[in-house]
N, C-alpha and C. Protein backbone atom coordinates (compact mmCIF):
# COMPACT_ATOMS: atom_id res chain seq x y z
N MET A 1 -15.74 216.00 62.71
CA MET A 1 -17.18 216.27 61.01
C MET A 1 -16.98 215.19 60.39
N PRO A 2 -18.66 214.10 60.12
CA PRO A 2 -18.03 213.69 59.28
C PRO A 2 -17.83 213.66 57.60
N LYS A 3 -17.39 212.15 57.11
CA LYS A 3 -17.09 212.33 56.37
C LYS A 3 -18.20 213.12 55.26
N PRO A 4 -18.02 213.71 54.31
CA PRO A 4 -18.89 213.97 52.84
C PRO A 4 -19.48 212.36 51.92
N ASN A 5 -21.17 212.23 52.08
CA ASN A 5 -21.59 210.61 51.29
C ASN A 5 -21.00 211.01 49.39
N LEU A 6 -19.82 210.26 49.46
CA LEU A 6 -19.56 210.32 47.98
C LEU A 6 -20.34 209.45 46.80
N GLY A 7 -20.87 209.02 47.58
CA GLY A 7 -21.55 207.89 46.83
C GLY A 7 -21.00 206.30 46.43
N GLY A 8 -21.46 205.65 45.48
CA GLY A 8 -20.85 204.61 45.36
C GLY A 8 -20.86 203.16 46.67
N ARG A 9 -20.46 201.96 46.50
CA ARG A 9 -20.88 201.62 47.54
C ARG A 9 -20.72 201.21 48.93
N PRO A 10 -21.65 201.42 49.76
CA PRO A 10 -21.76 201.60 51.57
C PRO A 10 -20.43 200.53 51.79
N GLU A 11 -20.14 200.99 52.89
CA GLU A 11 -19.34 200.19 53.96
C GLU A 11 -19.95 199.06 54.51
N ILE A 12 -19.26 197.61 54.42
CA ILE A 12 -19.76 196.82 54.69
C ILE A 12 -19.09 196.39 56.04
N GLY A 13 -17.69 196.98 56.71
CA GLY A 13 -17.19 196.42 57.65
C GLY A 13 -16.16 197.53 57.59
N PRO A 14 -14.90 196.97 58.55
CA PRO A 14 -13.96 197.88 58.89
C PRO A 14 -13.06 197.47 57.52
N LYS A 15 -12.24 198.58 56.79
CA LYS A 15 -11.03 198.72 55.87
C LYS A 15 -10.10 198.05 56.95
N VAL A 16 -9.19 196.31 56.10
CA VAL A 16 -8.13 195.72 56.61
C VAL A 16 -7.58 195.75 55.55
N GLU A 17 -6.51 196.24 55.46
CA GLU A 17 -5.31 196.12 54.52
C GLU A 17 -3.87 194.81 54.54
N ILE A 18 -4.08 194.15 54.41
CA ILE A 18 -2.95 193.02 54.16
C ILE A 18 -1.77 193.06 52.92
N ARG A 19 -0.43 193.14 53.47
CA ARG A 19 0.84 192.30 52.13
C ARG A 19 0.46 191.22 51.40
N LEU A 20 0.34 190.34 50.16
CA LEU A 20 0.81 189.07 50.30
C LEU A 20 1.63 188.64 48.48
N PRO A 21 2.31 188.11 49.25
CA PRO A 21 3.11 188.45 48.15
C PRO A 21 2.64 187.44 46.51
N ALA A 22 4.04 187.47 46.15
CA ALA A 22 2.95 188.28 44.48
C ALA A 22 2.42 187.02 44.14
N ASP A 23 2.81 186.09 44.51
CA ASP A 23 2.47 184.16 43.80
C ASP A 23 0.85 184.55 44.51
N ILE A 24 0.40 185.01 45.37
CA ILE A 24 -0.86 184.68 45.75
C ILE A 24 -1.84 185.98 45.75
N ALA A 25 -1.37 186.67 44.99
CA ALA A 25 -2.26 187.55 44.51
C ALA A 25 -2.63 187.79 43.27
N ALA A 26 -1.48 187.38 42.02
CA ALA A 26 -1.57 186.78 41.15
C ALA A 26 -2.74 185.62 40.98
N ARG A 27 -2.60 184.60 42.08
CA ARG A 27 -4.23 183.99 41.81
C ARG A 27 -4.93 184.40 42.37
N ILE A 28 -5.56 184.48 43.19
CA ILE A 28 -5.90 185.20 43.62
C ILE A 28 -7.19 186.31 42.90
N ALA A 29 -6.28 187.56 41.83
CA ALA A 29 -6.78 188.20 40.52
C ALA A 29 -7.03 186.78 39.36
N GLU A 30 -6.41 186.19 39.88
CA GLU A 30 -7.36 185.09 37.98
C GLU A 30 -9.09 184.44 38.67
N LEU A 31 -8.45 183.97 40.12
CA LEU A 31 -9.92 183.74 40.53
C LEU A 31 -11.09 184.76 40.73
N ALA A 32 -10.63 185.69 41.05
CA ALA A 32 -11.23 187.02 40.72
C ALA A 32 -12.40 186.32 39.35
N LYS A 33 -11.02 186.86 38.85
CA LYS A 33 -11.57 186.66 37.09
C LYS A 33 -12.61 185.86 37.02
N GLU A 34 -12.11 184.33 36.59
CA GLU A 34 -12.80 183.36 36.35
C GLU A 34 -14.16 183.98 37.10
N GLU A 35 -14.51 184.17 38.37
CA GLU A 35 -15.80 184.66 39.22
C GLU A 35 -16.07 185.72 38.94
N GLY A 36 -15.79 186.84 37.81
CA GLY A 36 -16.43 188.10 37.37
C GLY A 36 -16.79 188.38 38.96
N VAL A 37 -15.39 188.78 39.75
CA VAL A 37 -15.83 189.63 40.49
C VAL A 37 -14.57 190.03 40.88
N ASN A 38 -14.86 191.22 42.09
CA ASN A 38 -12.74 192.00 41.54
C ASN A 38 -12.26 191.13 42.98
N ARG A 39 -10.59 192.13 43.02
CA ARG A 39 -10.27 191.00 44.37
C ARG A 39 -10.92 191.40 45.40
N SER A 40 -11.07 192.19 46.23
CA SER A 40 -11.92 192.35 47.20
C SER A 40 -12.50 191.73 47.59
N GLU A 41 -14.06 190.97 46.83
CA GLU A 41 -14.57 190.02 47.04
C GLU A 41 -13.89 188.74 46.83
N MET A 42 -13.35 187.80 45.99
CA MET A 42 -12.43 187.45 46.08
C MET A 42 -12.09 187.45 47.44
N ILE A 43 -11.47 187.74 47.84
CA ILE A 43 -10.51 187.84 49.68
C ILE A 43 -11.19 187.45 50.46
N ARG A 44 -12.40 188.22 50.32
CA ARG A 44 -13.72 187.68 50.79
C ARG A 44 -14.38 186.41 51.23
N ARG A 45 -14.46 186.21 49.93
CA ARG A 45 -15.05 185.12 50.01
C ARG A 45 -14.26 183.60 50.03
N LEU A 46 -12.73 183.53 50.46
CA LEU A 46 -11.76 183.09 50.18
C LEU A 46 -11.60 182.98 52.16
N LEU A 47 -11.99 184.04 52.29
CA LEU A 47 -12.08 183.83 54.06
C LEU A 47 -12.35 183.43 54.59
N ARG A 48 -14.20 183.62 54.55
CA ARG A 48 -15.21 182.74 54.62
C ARG A 48 -15.07 181.28 54.50
N GLU A 49 -14.51 181.06 53.14
CA GLU A 49 -15.09 179.85 53.45
C GLU A 49 -13.59 179.26 54.13
N ALA A 50 -12.63 179.63 54.15
CA ALA A 50 -11.63 178.93 55.45
C ALA A 50 -12.17 178.44 56.34
N LEU A 51 -13.05 180.14 57.34
CA LEU A 51 -12.57 180.12 58.13
C LEU A 51 -13.73 179.30 58.96
N ALA A 52 -15.23 179.37 57.48
CA ALA A 52 -16.68 177.75 58.09
C ALA A 52 -15.36 176.06 57.74
N ALA A 53 -14.73 176.16 57.22
CA ALA A 53 -13.76 175.19 57.79
C ALA A 53 -13.27 174.92 58.72
N HIS A 54 -13.15 175.81 59.63
CA HIS A 54 -12.63 175.84 60.73
C HIS A 54 -13.74 175.93 61.86
N THR A 55 -14.37 176.36 60.88
CA THR A 55 -15.58 175.74 62.65
C THR A 55 -16.38 174.83 62.71
């Protein structure tokens, strides 16, 4: 049975859960606040930048 549409933001890809050391999580939160985005978006941006640097 499909999940009911509860509104909100559409999914943009598979959900990935990770655990981070407290210092890294805090730094990501700081960067997100500075950029005016949420932590998830900040993590996506940081990962894109890191991956682009390795290609």
